[in-house]
Amino acid sequence: KQYRIWDEWDSVVGDAIARQTRPGQIRAMVLWVNVSNSTWMQQLEFMKRQIVERINERIGERVISDIRFRIGEVTGEE
């Protein structure tokens, strides 16, 4: 079920954030997300709890407990 996150990401975070981010990997219920730049990364830190809640709600169970952001590639598929 965790891998549904990739399918749901754009609708969970919205178009503006989706263009600046790309889910990377999940380790121990932590979702690692690539972010285009440090400005977006800082903004997303403030939204982290809300995004975690939306993802878990969309999937229908608690599939992630935290999100970690890092500067990285956001175009194409991982």
N, C-alpha and C. Protein backbone atom coordinates (compact mmCIF):
# COMPACT_ATOMS: atom_id res chain seq x y z
N LYS A 1 0.82 -1.21 0.00
CA LYS A 1 0.00 0.00 0.00
C LYS A 1 0.85 1.26 0.00
N GLN A 2 2.04 1.19 0.58
CA GLN A 2 2.90 2.37 0.62
C GLN A 2 3.17 2.92 -0.77
N TYR A 3 3.27 2.04 -1.74
CA TYR A 3 3.66 2.48 -3.08
C TYR A 3 2.55 3.19 -3.83
N ARG A 4 1.34 3.20 -3.28
CA ARG A 4 0.27 4.02 -3.84
C ARG A 4 0.59 5.50 -3.69
N ILE A 5 1.51 5.83 -2.80
CA ILE A 5 1.88 7.22 -2.59
C ILE A 5 2.31 7.87 -3.91
N TRP A 6 3.06 7.15 -4.73
CA TRP A 6 3.52 7.70 -6.00
C TRP A 6 2.34 8.06 -6.90
N ASP A 7 1.31 7.23 -6.90
CA ASP A 7 0.12 7.49 -7.71
C ASP A 7 -0.71 8.65 -7.16
N GLU A 8 -0.71 8.81 -5.86
CA GLU A 8 -1.56 9.80 -5.20
C GLU A 8 -0.86 11.13 -4.93
N TRP A 9 0.46 11.18 -5.08
CA TRP A 9 1.24 12.34 -4.65
C TRP A 9 0.70 13.66 -5.18
N ASP A 10 0.51 13.77 -6.49
CA ASP A 10 0.08 15.04 -7.08
C ASP A 10 -1.26 15.52 -6.52
N SER A 11 -2.20 14.60 -6.34
CA SER A 11 -3.51 15.00 -5.82
C SER A 11 -3.46 15.32 -4.33
N VAL A 12 -2.54 14.70 -3.61
CA VAL A 12 -2.41 14.98 -2.17
C VAL A 12 -1.79 16.35 -1.92
N VAL A 13 -0.74 16.69 -2.66
CA VAL A 13 -0.02 17.94 -2.39
C VAL A 13 -0.45 19.10 -3.28
N GLY A 14 -1.13 18.83 -4.38
CA GLY A 14 -1.55 19.89 -5.30
C GLY A 14 -0.50 20.14 -6.38
N ASP A 15 -0.93 20.79 -7.44
CA ASP A 15 -0.07 20.99 -8.62
C ASP A 15 1.19 21.79 -8.33
N ALA A 16 1.07 22.88 -7.59
CA ALA A 16 2.24 23.75 -7.35
C ALA A 16 3.34 23.00 -6.62
N ILE A 17 2.99 22.26 -5.57
CA ILE A 17 3.99 21.50 -4.81
C ILE A 17 4.47 20.31 -5.63
N ALA A 18 3.57 19.66 -6.35
CA ALA A 18 3.94 18.48 -7.15
C ALA A 18 5.00 18.83 -8.19
N ARG A 19 4.93 20.04 -8.75
CA ARG A 19 5.93 20.45 -9.74
C ARG A 19 7.31 20.65 -9.13
N GLN A 20 7.39 20.85 -7.82
CA GLN A 20 8.65 21.13 -7.14
C GLN A 20 9.18 19.94 -6.33
N THR A 21 8.45 18.83 -6.34
CA THR A 21 8.80 17.68 -5.50
C THR A 21 8.63 16.37 -6.25
N ARG A 22 9.24 15.32 -5.70
CA ARG A 22 9.07 13.97 -6.23
C ARG A 22 9.34 12.98 -5.09
N PRO A 23 8.37 12.12 -4.75
CA PRO A 23 8.64 11.11 -3.74
C PRO A 23 9.79 10.23 -4.19
N GLY A 24 10.72 9.94 -3.28
CA GLY A 24 11.89 9.14 -3.64
C GLY A 24 11.81 7.71 -3.16
N GLN A 25 11.81 7.53 -1.85
CA GLN A 25 11.80 6.17 -1.30
C GLN A 25 11.15 6.18 0.07
N ILE A 26 10.82 5.00 0.54
CA ILE A 26 10.24 4.84 1.87
C ILE A 26 11.15 3.88 2.64
N ARG A 27 11.56 4.32 3.83
CA ARG A 27 12.35 3.47 4.73
C ARG A 27 11.79 3.61 6.13
N ALA A 28 11.41 2.49 6.71
CA ALA A 28 10.90 2.47 8.08
C ALA A 28 9.78 3.49 8.29
N MET A 29 8.82 3.48 7.36
CA MET A 29 7.66 4.37 7.39
C MET A 29 8.01 5.85 7.24
N VAL A 30 9.20 6.15 6.78
CA VAL A 30 9.60 7.53 6.51
C VAL A 30 9.68 7.70 4.99
N LEU A 31 8.93 8.66 4.48
CA LEU A 31 8.94 8.97 3.06
C LEU A 31 10.00 10.04 2.79
N TRP A 32 10.93 9.74 1.92
CA TRP A 32 11.96 10.69 1.50
C TRP A 32 11.50 11.34 0.21
N VAL A 33 11.49 12.66 0.20
CA VAL A 33 10.97 13.42 -0.94
C VAL A 33 12.05 14.35 -1.47
N ASN A 34 12.31 14.27 -2.76
CA ASN A 34 13.23 15.20 -3.41
C ASN A 34 12.50 16.52 -3.64
N VAL A 35 13.21 17.61 -3.39
CA VAL A 35 12.65 18.96 -3.52
C VAL A 35 13.59 19.76 -4.41
N SER A 36 13.02 20.64 -5.22
CA SER A 36 13.80 21.36 -6.22
C SER A 36 14.80 22.34 -5.64
N ASN A 37 14.49 22.97 -4.49
CA ASN A 37 15.41 23.95 -3.92
C ASN A 37 15.14 24.15 -2.43
N SER A 38 16.04 24.86 -1.78
CA SER A 38 15.96 25.03 -0.32
C SER A 38 14.77 25.87 0.12
N THR A 39 14.32 26.78 -0.71
CA THR A 39 13.15 27.59 -0.35
C THR A 39 11.92 26.72 -0.22
N TRP A 40 11.71 25.85 -1.20
CA TRP A 40 10.58 24.92 -1.13
C TRP A 40 10.76 23.94 0.02
N MET A 41 11.97 23.50 0.24
CA MET A 41 12.21 22.55 1.32
C MET A 41 11.81 23.15 2.67
N GLN A 42 12.17 24.39 2.89
CA GLN A 42 11.81 25.06 4.15
C GLN A 42 10.30 25.20 4.28
N GLN A 43 9.63 25.60 3.21
CA GLN A 43 8.18 25.75 3.24
C GLN A 43 7.50 24.41 3.54
N LEU A 44 7.98 23.35 2.92
CA LEU A 44 7.38 22.04 3.11
C LEU A 44 7.57 21.50 4.52
N GLU A 45 8.65 21.90 5.18
CA GLU A 45 8.85 21.49 6.58
C GLU A 45 7.67 21.93 7.44
N PHE A 46 7.13 23.11 7.16
CA PHE A 46 5.99 23.62 7.92
C PHE A 46 4.70 22.86 7.60
N MET A 47 4.66 22.22 6.45
CA MET A 47 3.45 21.52 5.99
C MET A 47 3.53 20.01 6.20
N LYS A 48 4.64 19.55 6.74
CA LYS A 48 4.92 18.12 6.82
C LYS A 48 3.80 17.32 7.50
N ARG A 49 3.37 17.72 8.68
CA ARG A 49 2.32 16.98 9.41
C ARG A 49 1.05 16.87 8.59
N GLN A 50 0.68 17.96 7.96
CA GLN A 50 -0.53 17.99 7.15
C GLN A 50 -0.42 17.03 5.96
N ILE A 51 0.74 16.99 5.33
CA ILE A 51 0.94 16.10 4.19
C ILE A 51 0.90 14.64 4.63
N VAL A 52 1.54 14.33 5.75
CA VAL A 52 1.51 12.95 6.29
C VAL A 52 0.07 12.52 6.54
N GLU A 53 -0.71 13.39 7.17
CA GLU A 53 -2.11 13.07 7.46
C GLU A 53 -2.90 12.83 6.18
N ARG A 54 -2.70 13.69 5.18
CA ARG A 54 -3.43 13.54 3.91
C ARG A 54 -3.07 12.24 3.21
N ILE A 55 -1.78 11.90 3.21
CA ILE A 55 -1.36 10.65 2.56
C ILE A 55 -2.02 9.46 3.24
N ASN A 56 -1.90 9.39 4.55
CA ASN A 56 -2.47 8.26 5.28
C ASN A 56 -3.99 8.18 5.10
N GLU A 57 -4.63 9.33 5.08
CA GLU A 57 -6.08 9.36 4.86
C GLU A 57 -6.43 8.85 3.46
N ARG A 58 -5.67 9.28 2.48
CA ARG A 58 -5.93 8.87 1.09
C ARG A 58 -5.72 7.37 0.90
N ILE A 59 -4.68 6.81 1.54
CA ILE A 59 -4.37 5.39 1.41
C ILE A 59 -5.35 4.55 2.24
N GLY A 60 -5.85 5.12 3.33
CA GLY A 60 -6.83 4.41 4.14
C GLY A 60 -6.24 3.74 5.38
N GLU A 61 -4.96 3.94 5.60
CA GLU A 61 -4.30 3.44 6.81
C GLU A 61 -2.98 4.18 6.98
N ARG A 62 -2.37 4.00 8.14
CA ARG A 62 -1.12 4.69 8.44
C ARG A 62 0.03 3.97 7.73
N VAL A 63 0.44 4.52 6.59
CA VAL A 63 1.51 3.91 5.81
C VAL A 63 2.83 4.65 5.97
N ILE A 64 2.77 5.92 6.39
CA ILE A 64 4.00 6.66 6.71
C ILE A 64 3.82 7.41 8.01
N SER A 65 4.92 7.60 8.73
CA SER A 65 4.88 8.32 10.00
C SER A 65 5.59 9.66 9.93
N ASP A 66 6.44 9.84 8.90
CA ASP A 66 7.20 11.08 8.79
C ASP A 66 7.62 11.28 7.34
N ILE A 67 7.99 12.51 7.03
CA ILE A 67 8.54 12.85 5.72
C ILE A 67 9.86 13.55 5.94
N ARG A 68 10.85 13.19 5.16
CA ARG A 68 12.15 13.89 5.16
C ARG A 68 12.35 14.47 3.78
N PHE A 69 12.74 15.72 3.74
CA PHE A 69 12.95 16.41 2.47
C PHE A 69 14.44 16.56 2.21
N ARG A 70 14.80 16.47 0.93
CA ARG A 70 16.19 16.67 0.52
C ARG A 70 16.20 17.29 -0.88
N ILE A 71 17.20 18.08 -1.14
CA ILE A 71 17.36 18.69 -2.46
C ILE A 71 17.72 17.57 -3.44
N GLY A 72 17.02 17.50 -4.55
CA GLY A 72 17.30 16.44 -5.52
C GLY A 72 16.49 16.59 -6.78
N GLU A 73 16.64 15.63 -7.66
CA GLU A 73 15.96 15.61 -8.95
C GLU A 73 14.45 15.48 -8.75
N VAL A 74 13.69 16.32 -9.44
CA VAL A 74 12.23 16.25 -9.31
C VAL A 74 11.53 15.99 -10.64
N THR A 75 12.28 15.86 -11.72
CA THR A 75 11.65 15.57 -13.01
C THR A 75 11.80 14.10 -13.33
N GLY A 76 10.83 13.58 -14.05
CA GLY A 76 10.88 12.18 -14.46
C GLY A 76 10.59 11.24 -13.31
N GLU A 77 10.81 9.98 -13.55
CA GLU A 77 10.55 8.95 -12.54
C GLU A 77 11.84 8.57 -11.83
N GLU A 78 11.72 8.22 -10.58
CA GLU A 78 12.86 7.79 -9.77
C GLU A 78 13.21 6.36 -10.14
